[in-house]
PDB file of N, CA and C in Angstrom:
ATOM      1  N   MET A   1     129.975 106.247 176.975  1.00  0.00           N
ATOM      2  CA  MET A   1     130.389 107.045 176.754  1.00  0.00           C
ATOM      3  C   MET A   1     129.293 108.287 176.282  1.00  0.00           C
ATOM      4  N   VAL A   2     129.920 109.349 176.253  1.00  0.00           N
ATOM      5  CA  VAL A   2     128.883 110.538 175.746  1.00  0.00           C
ATOM      6  C   VAL A   2     129.649 111.654 174.989  1.00  0.00           C
ATOM      7  N   ILE A   3     129.193 111.766 173.526  1.00  0.00           N
ATOM      8  CA  ILE A   3     130.091 112.646 173.087  1.00  0.00           C
ATOM      9  C   ILE A   3     128.760 113.638 172.607  1.00  0.00           C
ATOM     10  N   ILE A   4     129.537 115.168 172.700  1.00  0.00           N
ATOM     11  CA  ILE A   4     128.224 116.017 172.055  1.00  0.00           C
ATOM     12  C   ILE A   4     129.086 116.553 170.926  1.00  0.00           C
ATOM     13  N   ASN A   5     128.233 116.451 169.555  1.00  0.00           N
ATOM     14  CA  ASN A   5     128.683 116.975 168.070  1.00  0.00           C
ATOM     15  C   ASN A   5     127.316 117.196 167.668  1.00  0.00           C
ATOM     16  N   PRO A   6     127.225 118.508 167.250  1.00  0.00           N
ATOM     17  CA  PRO A   6     128.257 119.727 167.070  1.00  0.00           C
ATOM     18  C   PRO A   6     128.732 120.198 168.494  1.00  0.00           C
ATOM     19  N   GLY A   7     129.412 120.858 168.742  1.00  0.00           N
ATOM     20  CA  GLY A   7     129.990 121.566 170.348  1.00  0.00           C
ATOM     21  C   GLY A   7     128.652 122.529 170.439  1.00  0.00           C
ATOM     22  N   ASN A   8     128.734 122.712 171.447  1.00  0.00           N
ATOM     23  CA  ASN A   8     128.128 123.820 172.066  1.00  0.00           C
ATOM     24  C   ASN A   8     128.806 124.938 172.811  1.00  0.00           C
ATOM     25  N   PRO A   9     128.898 126.137 172.303  1.00  0.00           N
ATOM     26  CA  PRO A   9     128.322 127.201 171.438  1.00  0.00           C
ATOM     27  C   PRO A   9     128.883 126.941 170.143  1.00  0.00           C
ATOM     28  N   THR A  10     130.474 126.531 170.028  1.00  0.00           N
ATOM     29  CA  THR A  10     131.060 126.984 168.971  1.00  0.00           C
ATOM     30  C   THR A  10     130.697 126.165 167.634  1.00  0.00           C
ATOM     31  N   GLY A  11     129.836 125.230 167.629  1.00  0.00           N
ATOM     32  CA  GLY A  11     129.444 124.678 166.365  1.00  0.00           C
ATOM     33  C   GLY A  11     130.785 123.589 165.911  1.00  0.00           C
ATOM     34  N   GLN A  12     131.691 123.461 166.707  1.00  0.00           N
ATOM     35  CA  GLN A  12     132.939 122.592 166.110  1.00  0.00           C
ATOM     36  C   GLN A  12     132.370 121.019 166.125  1.00  0.00           C
ATOM     37  N   CYS A  13     132.570 120.544 164.548  1.00  0.00           N
ATOM     38  CA  CYS A  13     132.374 119.104 164.469  1.00  0.00           C
ATOM     39  C   CYS A  13     133.470 118.198 164.460  1.00  0.00           C
ATOM     40  N   LEU A  14     132.907 116.937 165.043  1.00  0.00           N
ATOM     41  CA  LEU A  14     133.773 115.895 165.171  1.00  0.00           C
ATOM     42  C   LEU A  14     134.013 115.278 163.569  1.00  0.00           C
ATOM     43  N   SER A  15     135.195 115.156 163.592  1.00  0.00           N
ATOM     44  CA  SER A  15     135.446 114.260 162.158  1.00  0.00           C
ATOM     45  C   SER A  15     134.852 112.994 161.873  1.00  0.00           C
ATOM     46  N   ALA A  16     134.880 112.679 160.548  1.00  0.00           N
ATOM     47  CA  ALA A  16     134.669 111.051 160.045  1.00  0.00           C
ATOM     48  C   ALA A  16     135.340 110.224 161.109  1.00  0.00           C
ATOM     49  N   GLU A  17     137.142 110.750 160.724  1.00  0.00           N
ATOM     50  CA  GLU A  17     137.854 109.881 161.546  1.00  0.00           C
ATOM     51  C   GLU A  17     137.851 109.802 163.470  1.00  0.00           C
ATOM     52  N   ASN A  18     137.381 110.954 163.488  1.00  0.00           N
ATOM     53  CA  ASN A  18     137.306 111.236 165.336  1.00  0.00           C
ATOM     54  C   ASN A  18     136.131 110.261 165.665  1.00  0.00           C
ATOM     55  N   LEU A  19     135.306 110.143 165.036  1.00  0.00           N
ATOM     56  CA  LEU A  19     133.973 109.243 165.110  1.00  0.00           C
ATOM     57  C   LEU A  19     134.242 107.863 165.131  1.00  0.00           C
ATOM     58  N   ARG A  20     134.992 107.576 164.043  1.00  0.00           N
ATOM     59  CA  ARG A  20     135.382 106.020 163.799  1.00  0.00           C
ATOM     60  C   ARG A  20     136.497 105.772 165.376  1.00  0.00           C
ATOM     61  N   GLU A  21     137.105 106.452 165.394  1.00  0.00           N
ATOM     62  CA  GLU A  21     138.099 106.218 166.673  1.00  0.00           C
ATOM     63  C   GLU A  21     136.999 105.798 168.006  1.00  0.00           C
ATOM     64  N   VAL A  22     136.172 106.550 168.224  1.00  0.00           N
ATOM     65  CA  VAL A  22     135.170 106.710 169.501  1.00  0.00           C
ATOM     66  C   VAL A  22     134.345 105.364 169.360  1.00  0.00           C
ATOM     67  N   LEU A  23     133.725 104.959 167.941  1.00  0.00           N
ATOM     68  CA  LEU A  23     132.967 104.126 167.900  1.00  0.00           C
ATOM     69  C   LEU A  23     133.526 102.667 167.659  1.00  0.00           C
ATOM     70  N   GLN A  24     134.994 102.819 167.608  1.00  0.00           N
ATOM     71  CA  GLN A  24     136.030 101.732 167.899  1.00  0.00           C
ATOM     72  C   GLN A  24     136.296 101.393 169.262  1.00  0.00           C
ATOM     73  N   PHE A  25     136.680 102.322 169.843  1.00  0.00           N
ATOM     74  CA  PHE A  25     136.859 102.290 171.019  1.00  0.00           C
ATOM     75  C   PHE A  25     135.432 101.483 171.772  1.00  0.00           C
ATOM     76  N   CYS A  26     134.405 101.849 172.096  1.00  0.00           N
ATOM     77  CA  CYS A  26     132.903 101.775 172.338  1.00  0.00           C
ATOM     78  C   CYS A  26     132.902 100.117 172.103  1.00  0.00           C
ATOM     79  N   TYR A  27     133.201  99.608 170.856  1.00  0.00           N
ATOM     80  CA  TYR A  27     133.268  98.261 170.480  1.00  0.00           C
ATOM     81  C   TYR A  27     134.250  97.797 171.366  1.00  0.00           C
ATOM     82  N   ASP A  28     135.499  98.122 171.415  1.00  0.00           N
ATOM     83  CA  ASP A  28     136.695  97.300 172.210  1.00  0.00           C
ATOM     84  C   ASP A  28     136.317  97.107 173.736  1.00  0.00           C
ATOM     85  N   GLU A  29     135.723  98.259 174.268  1.00  0.00           N
ATOM     86  CA  GLU A  29     135.402  98.132 175.498  1.00  0.00           C
ATOM     87  C   GLU A  29     133.963  97.725 176.125  1.00  0.00           C
ATOM     88  N   ASN A  30     133.387  97.419 175.128  1.00  0.00           N
ATOM     89  CA  ASN A  30     131.708  97.039 175.290  1.00  0.00           C
ATOM     90  C   ASN A  30     130.911  98.116 175.980  1.00  0.00           C
ATOM     91  N   LEU A  31     130.851  99.453 175.026  1.00  0.00           N
ATOM     92  CA  LEU A  31     130.343 100.557 175.948  1.00  0.00           C
ATOM     93  C   LEU A  31     129.326 101.144 174.896  1.00  0.00           C
ATOM     94  N   VAL A  32     128.232 101.740 175.648  1.00  0.00           N
ATOM     95  CA  VAL A  32     127.248 102.250 175.030  1.00  0.00           C
ATOM     96  C   VAL A  32     127.299 103.586 174.628  1.00  0.00           C
ATOM     97  N   LEU A  33     127.149 104.164 173.450  1.00  0.00           N
ATOM     98  CA  LEU A  33     127.754 105.654 173.127  1.00  0.00           C
ATOM     99  C   LEU A  33     126.456 106.273 173.177  1.00  0.00           C
ATOM    100  N   LEU A  34     126.297 107.294 173.695  1.00  0.00           N
ATOM    101  CA  LEU A  34     125.178 108.254 173.677  1.00  0.00           C
ATOM    102  C   LEU A  34     125.748 109.676 173.175  1.00  0.00           C
ATOM    103  N   GLY A  35     124.958 109.949 172.104  1.00  0.00           N
ATOM    104  CA  GLY A  35     125.303 110.937 170.829  1.00  0.00           C
ATOM    105  C   GLY A  35     124.593 111.949 170.926  1.00  0.00           C
ATOM    106  N   ASP A  36     125.198 113.325 171.814  1.00  0.00           N
ATOM    107  CA  ASP A  36     124.061 114.570 171.530  1.00  0.00           C
ATOM    108  C   ASP A  36     124.362 115.122 170.344  1.00  0.00           C
ATOM    109  N   GLU A  37     123.492 115.071 169.645  1.00  0.00           N
ATOM    110  CA  GLU A  37     123.657 116.009 168.043  1.00  0.00           C
ATOM    111  C   GLU A  37     122.510 116.931 167.757  1.00  0.00           C
ATOM    112  N   VAL A  38     122.081 117.221 169.515  1.00  0.00           N
ATOM    113  CA  VAL A  38     121.163 118.350 169.153  1.00  0.00           C
ATOM    114  C   VAL A  38     121.287 119.421 168.599  1.00  0.00           C
ATOM    115  N   TYR A  39     122.592 120.009 168.224  1.00  0.00           N
ATOM    116  CA  TYR A  39     122.640 121.324 167.743  1.00  0.00           C
ATOM    117  C   TYR A  39     123.380 120.956 166.000  1.00  0.00           C
ATOM    118  N   GLN A  40     122.894 119.602 165.604  1.00  0.00           N
ATOM    119  CA  GLN A  40     123.568 119.400 164.433  1.00  0.00           C
ATOM    120  C   GLN A  40     123.047 120.754 163.143  1.00  0.00           C
ATOM    121  N   THR A  41     122.013 121.463 163.059  1.00  0.00           N
ATOM    122  CA  THR A  41     121.960 122.315 162.602  1.00  0.00           C
ATOM    123  C   THR A  41     122.331 123.785 162.875  1.00  0.00           C
ATOM    124  N   ASN A  42     123.342 123.906 163.971  1.00  0.00           N
ATOM    125  CA  ASN A  42     123.758 124.977 164.214  1.00  0.00           C
ATOM    126  C   ASN A  42     125.570 125.037 163.471  1.00  0.00           C
ATOM    127  N   ILE A  43     125.665 124.926 162.744  1.00  0.00           N
ATOM    128  CA  ILE A  43     127.019 124.656 162.093  1.00  0.00           C
ATOM    129  C   ILE A  43     127.366 126.333 161.622  1.00  0.00           C
ATOM    130  N   TYR A  44     128.630 126.622 161.555  1.00  0.00           N
ATOM    131  CA  TYR A  44     129.014 128.076 161.083  1.00  0.00           C
ATOM    132  C   TYR A  44     130.040 127.939 160.298  1.00  0.00           C
ATOM    133  N   GLN A  45     130.309 126.813 159.921  1.00  0.00           N
ATOM    134  CA  GLN A  45     131.555 126.790 158.941  1.00  0.00           C
ATOM    135  C   GLN A  45     131.443 125.742 157.793  1.00  0.00           C
ATOM    136  N   ASP A  46     131.999 125.929 156.816  1.00  0.00           N
ATOM    137  CA  ASP A  46     131.989 124.857 155.796  1.00  0.00           C
ATOM    138  C   ASP A  46     133.134 123.738 155.736  1.00  0.00           C
ATOM    139  N   GLU A  47     134.120 124.013 156.309  1.00  0.00           N
ATOM    140  CA  GLU A  47     135.194 123.090 156.249  1.00  0.00           C
ATOM    141  C   GLU A  47     135.167 121.786 157.093  1.00  0.00           C
ATOM    142  N   ARG A  48     134.433 121.683 157.844  1.00  0.00           N
ATOM    143  CA  ARG A  48     134.008 120.397 158.577  1.00  0.00           C
ATOM    144  C   ARG A  48     132.429 120.046 158.702  1.00  0.00           C
ATOM    145  N   PRO A  49     131.762 119.918 158.038  1.00  0.00           N
ATOM    146  CA  PRO A  49     130.203 119.511 158.271  1.00  0.00           C
ATOM    147  C   PRO A  49     130.342 118.576 159.542  1.00  0.00           C
ATOM    148  N   PHE A  50     128.717 118.653 159.536  1.00  0.00           N
ATOM    149  CA  PHE A  50     127.879 117.798 160.757  1.00  0.00           C
ATOM    150  C   PHE A  50     127.961 116.501 159.879  1.00  0.00           C
ATOM    151  N   ILE A  51     128.583 115.313 160.716  1.00  0.00           N
ATOM    152  CA  ILE A  51     128.325 113.842 160.041  1.00  0.00           C
ATOM    153  C   ILE A  51     127.868 113.326 161.430  1.00  0.00           C
ATOM    154  N   SER A  52     126.501 112.155 161.422  1.00  0.00           N
ATOM    155  CA  SER A  52     126.374 111.780 162.207  1.00  0.00           C
ATOM    156  C   SER A  52     126.587 110.602 162.904  1.00  0.00           C
ATOM    157  N   SER A  53     126.676 110.159 163.946  1.00  0.00           N
ATOM    158  CA  SER A  53     127.584 108.838 164.537  1.00  0.00           C
ATOM    159  C   SER A  53     126.870 107.820 163.849  1.00  0.00           C
ATOM    160  N   LYS A  54     125.571 107.852 163.428  1.00  0.00           N
ATOM    161  CA  LYS A  54     124.899 106.532 163.000  1.00  0.00           C
ATOM    162  C   LYS A  54     125.368 106.440 161.644  1.00  0.00           C
ATOM    163  N   LYS A  55     125.522 107.672 161.114  1.00  0.00           N
ATOM    164  CA  LYS A  55     126.206 107.303 159.526  1.00  0.00           C
ATOM    165  C   LYS A  55     127.572 106.826 159.716  1.00  0.00           C
ATOM    166  N   VAL A  56     128.288 107.302 160.633  1.00  0.00           N
ATOM    167  CA  VAL A  56     129.714 106.612 160.339  1.00  0.00           C
ATOM    168  C   VAL A  56     129.810 105.131 160.972  1.00  0.00           C
ATOM    169  N   LEU A  57     129.004 104.937 161.823  1.00  0.00           N
ATOM    170  CA  LEU A  57     128.361 103.613 162.249  1.00  0.00           C
ATOM    171  C   LEU A  57     128.247 102.499 161.182  1.00  0.00           C
ATOM    172  N   MET A  58     127.263 103.177 160.493  1.00  0.00           N
ATOM    173  CA  MET A  58     126.683 102.311 159.451  1.00  0.00           C
ATOM    174  C   MET A  58     127.811 102.072 158.407  1.00  0.00           C
ATOM    175  N   ASP A  59     128.255 103.222 157.780  1.00  0.00           N
ATOM    176  CA  ASP A  59     129.695 103.180 156.812  1.00  0.00           C
ATOM    177  C   ASP A  59     130.838 101.971 157.348  1.00  0.00           C
ATOM    178  N   ILE A  60     131.031 102.161 158.768  1.00  0.00           N
ATOM    179  CA  ILE A  60     132.205 101.062 158.820  1.00  0.00           C
ATOM    180  C   ILE A  60     131.722  99.369 158.739  1.00  0.00           C
ATOM    181  N   GLY A  61     130.449  99.143 158.967  1.00  0.00           N
ATOM    182  CA  GLY A  61     129.987  97.957 158.232  1.00  0.00           C
ATOM    183  C   GLY A  61     129.993  97.155 159.645  1.00  0.00           C
ATOM    184  N   PRO A  62     130.005  95.609 159.253  1.00  0.00           N
ATOM    185  CA  PRO A  62     129.800  94.502 160.750  1.00  0.00           C
ATOM    186  C   PRO A  62     131.148  94.660 160.846  1.00  0.00           C
ATOM    187  N   PRO A  63     131.663  94.025 162.127  1.00  0.00           N
ATOM    188  CA  PRO A  63     130.909  93.763 163.061  1.00  0.00           C
ATOM    189  C   PRO A  63     130.545  95.109 164.295  1.00  0.00           C
ATOM    190  N   LEU A  64     131.022  96.421 163.823  1.00  0.00           N
ATOM    191  CA  LEU A  64     130.789  97.235 164.757  1.00  0.00           C
ATOM    192  C   LEU A  64     129.245  97.605 164.478  1.00  0.00           C
ATOM    193  N   SER A  65     128.711  97.604 163.287  1.00  0.00           N
ATOM    194  CA  SER A  65     127.435  98.364 162.955  1.00  0.00           C
ATOM    195  C   SER A  65     126.428  97.459 163.241  1.00  0.00           C
ATOM    196  N   LYS A  66     126.708  96.231 163.539  1.00  0.00           N
ATOM    197  CA  LYS A  66     125.385  95.498 164.162  1.00  0.00           C
ATOM    198  C   LYS A  66     125.835  95.455 165.604  1.00  0.00           C
ATOM    199  N   GLU A  67     127.086  95.935 166.167  1.00  0.00           N
ATOM    200  CA  GLU A  67     127.217  95.328 167.720  1.00  0.00           C
ATOM    201  C   GLU A  67     127.243  96.616 168.641  1.00  0.00           C
ATOM    202  N   VAL A  68     127.866  97.870 168.014  1.00  0.00           N
ATOM    203  CA  VAL A  68     127.725  98.980 168.802  1.00  0.00           C
ATOM    204  C   VAL A  68     126.441  99.723 169.128  1.00  0.00           C
ATOM    205  N   GLN A  69     126.150  99.582 170.681  1.00  0.00           N
ATOM    206  CA  GLN A  69     125.012 100.057 171.006  1.00  0.00           C
ATOM    207  C   GLN A  69     125.114 101.834 170.894  1.00  0.00           C
ATOM    208  N   LEU A  70     124.133 102.173 170.069  1.00  0.00           N
ATOM    209  CA  LEU A  70     124.428 103.848 170.172  1.00  0.00           C
ATOM    210  C   LEU A  70     122.852 104.392 170.647  1.00  0.00           C
ATOM    211  N   VAL A  71     122.748 105.435 171.353  1.00  0.00           N
ATOM    212  CA  VAL A  71     121.625 106.160 171.218  1.00  0.00           C
ATOM    213  C   VAL A  71     122.015 107.692 170.753  1.00  0.00           C
ATOM    214  N   SER A  72     121.171 108.165 169.625  1.00  0.00           N
ATOM    215  CA  SER A  72     121.537 109.648 169.442  1.00  0.00           C
ATOM    216  C   SER A  72     120.541 110.504 169.767  1.00  0.00           C
ATOM    217  N   PHE A  73     120.689 111.543 170.450  1.00  0.00           N
ATOM    218  CA  PHE A  73     119.611 112.797 170.758  1.00  0.00           C
ATOM    219  C   PHE A  73     119.549 113.756 169.720  1.00  0.00           C
ATOM    220  N   HIS A  74     118.106 114.409 169.496  1.00  0.00           N
ATOM    221  CA  HIS A  74     118.115 115.189 168.846  1.00  0.00           C
ATOM    222  C   HIS A  74     116.704 115.737 169.134  1.00  0.00           C
ATOM    223  N   SER A  75     116.783 117.255 168.254  1.00  0.00           N
ATOM    224  CA  SER A  75     115.674 118.424 168.746  1.00  0.00           C
ATOM    225  C   SER A  75     115.205 118.636 167.912  1.00  0.00           C
ATOM    226  N   VAL A  76     113.946 119.443 168.160  1.00  0.00           N
ATOM    227  CA  VAL A  76     113.221 120.034 167.087  1.00  0.00           C
ATOM    228  C   VAL A  76     112.951 121.276 167.560  1.00  0.00           C
ATOM    229  N   SER A  77     113.917 121.756 168.681  1.00  0.00           N
ATOM    230  CA  SER A  77     113.517 123.271 169.263  1.00  0.00           C
ATOM    231  C   SER A  77     115.161 124.118 169.591  1.00  0.00           C
ATOM    232  N   LYS A  78     116.152 123.225 168.977  1.00  0.00           N
ATOM    233  CA  LYS A  78     117.458 123.935 169.278  1.00  0.00           C
ATOM    234  C   LYS A  78     118.141 124.548 167.939  1.00  0.00           C
ATOM    235  N   GLY A  79     117.138 124.250 166.592  1.00  0.00           N
ATOM    236  CA  GLY A  79     117.859 125.222 165.368  1.00  0.00           C
ATOM    237  C   GLY A  79     118.185 126.856 165.161  1.00  0.00           C
ATOM    238  N   TYR A  80     118.319 126.805 164.093  1.00  0.00           N
ATOM    239  CA  TYR A  80     118.952 127.896 163.916  1.00  0.00           C
ATOM    240  C   TYR A  80     117.509 129.169 163.299  1.00  0.00           C
ATOM    241  N   LEU A  81     116.215 128.719 163.441  1.00  0.00           N
ATOM    242  CA  LEU A  81     115.040 129.733 163.236  1.00  0.00           C
ATOM    243  C   LEU A  81     114.830 130.200 164.297  1.00  0.00           C
ATOM    244  N   GLY A  82     115.017 130.206 165.628  1.00  0.00           N
ATOM    245  CA  GLY A  82     114.549 130.734 166.737  1.00  0.00           C
ATOM    246  C   GLY A  82     113.601 130.172 167.631  1.00  0.00           C
ATOM    247  N   GLU A  83     113.757 128.738 167.424  1.00  0.00           N
ATOM    248  CA  GLU A  83     112.498 128.343 167.577  1.00  0.00           C
ATOM    249  C   GLU A  83     112.883 127.613 169.202  1.00  0.00           C
ATOM    250  N   CYS A  84     113.843 128.443 169.772  1.00  0.00           N
ATOM    251  CA  CYS A  84     114.384 127.675 171.073  1.00  0.00           C
ATOM    252  C   CYS A  84     113.223 128.214 172.288  1.00  0.00           C
ATOM    253  N   GLY A  85     112.418 128.873 172.436  1.00  0.00           N
ATOM    254  CA  GLY A  85     111.386 128.808 173.179  1.00  0.00           C
ATOM    255  C   GLY A  85     110.709 127.735 173.315  1.00  0.00           C
ATOM    256  N   GLN A  86     110.230 126.877 172.290  1.00  0.00           N
ATOM    257  CA  GLN A  86     109.630 125.564 172.104  1.00  0.00           C
ATOM    258  C   GLN A  86     110.538 124.376 172.507  1.00  0.00           C
ATOM    259  N   ARG A  87     109.643 123.305 173.076  1.00  0.00           N
ATOM    260  CA  ARG A  87     110.550 122.675 173.689  1.00  0.00           C
ATOM    261  C   ARG A  87     110.232 121.050 172.542  1.00  0.00           C
ATOM    262  N   GLY A  88     111.199 120.269 172.354  1.00  0.00           N
ATOM    263  CA  GLY A  88     111.265 119.445 171.566  1.00  0.00           C
ATOM    264  C   GLY A  88     112.291 118.304 171.272  1.00  0.00           C
ATOM    265  N   GLY A  89     112.463 117.353 171.605  1.00  0.00           N
ATOM    266  CA  GLY A  89     113.485 116.437 171.301  1.00  0.00           C
ATOM    267  C   GLY A  89     112.720 114.897 171.473  1.00  0.00           C
ATOM    268  N   TYR A  90     113.797 114.179 170.404  1.00  0.00           N
ATOM    269  CA  TYR A  90     113.613 112.687 170.638  1.00  0.00           C
ATOM    270  C   TYR A  90     115.147 111.862 170.239  1.00  0.00           C
ATOM    271  N   PHE A  91     114.945 110.640 170.806  1.00  0.00           N
ATOM    272  CA  PHE A  91     115.946 109.969 170.493  1.00  0.00           C
ATOM    273  C   PHE A  91     115.987 108.637 170.041  1.00  0.00           C
ATOM    274  N   GLU A  92     117.134 108.209 169.074  1.00  0.00           N
ATOM    275  CA  GLU A  92     117.168 107.081 168.310  1.00  0.00           C
ATOM    276  C   GLU A  92     118.030 106.070 168.716  1.00  0.00           C
ATOM    277  N   MET A  93     117.555 104.803 168.640  1.00  0.00           N
ATOM    278  CA  MET A  93     118.467 103.694 169.751  1.00  0.00           C
ATOM    279  C   MET A  93     118.581 102.650 168.310  1.00  0.00           C
ATOM    280  N   THR A  94     120.043 102.463 167.998  1.00  0.00           N
ATOM    281  CA  THR A  94     120.441 101.524 167.171  1.00  0.00           C
ATOM    282  C   THR A  94     121.062 100.485 168.332  1.00  0.00           C
ATOM    283  N   ASN A  95     121.007  99.113 167.899  1.00  0.00           N
ATOM    284  CA  ASN A  95     121.567  97.709 168.264  1.00  0.00           C
ATOM    285  C   ASN A  95     121.246  97.885 169.957  1.00  0.00           C
ATOM    286  N   ILE A  96     120.469  98.563 170.327  1.00  0.00           N
ATOM    287  CA  ILE A  96     119.883  98.106 172.067  1.00  0.00           C
ATOM    288  C   ILE A  96     118.850  96.967 171.813  1.00  0.00           C
ATOM    289  N   PRO A  97     119.509  96.086 172.707  1.00  0.00           N
ATOM    290  CA  PRO A  97     118.476  94.703 172.424  1.00  0.00           C
ATOM    291  C   PRO A  97     117.186  95.162 173.371  1.00  0.00           C
ATOM    292  N   PRO A  98     116.394  94.615 173.096  1.00  0.00           N
ATOM    293  CA  PRO A  98     114.626  94.787 173.407  1.00  0.00           C
ATOM    294  C   PRO A  98     114.540  94.871 175.075  1.00  0.00           C
ATOM    295  N   GLU A  99     115.172  94.059 175.085  1.00  0.00           N
ATOM    296  CA  GLU A  99     114.871  93.704 176.626  1.00  0.00           C
ATOM    297  C   GLU A  99     115.324  94.466 177.447  1.00  0.00           C
TER     298      GLU A  99
END
């Protein structure tokens, strides 16, 4: 399953409850969650701040925090400082088996 949080171009962020529901669904259906979080610094509202999928997953605790497979995508070139001409990104894998 793929989620984009925050959305582009609006910067709309998923709530912690939304993320819990998505993570529970991935656990129930044995799905890998791909979380595109490259726009996390591009938030234009204070009412709903950015919360990472990994933070919510770890806050839930076991068994989800030990079993849900999560790949979070991040960027060093999509921020609000005008560095979009540069290219740089990375991903973090959580609970992905080494084989």
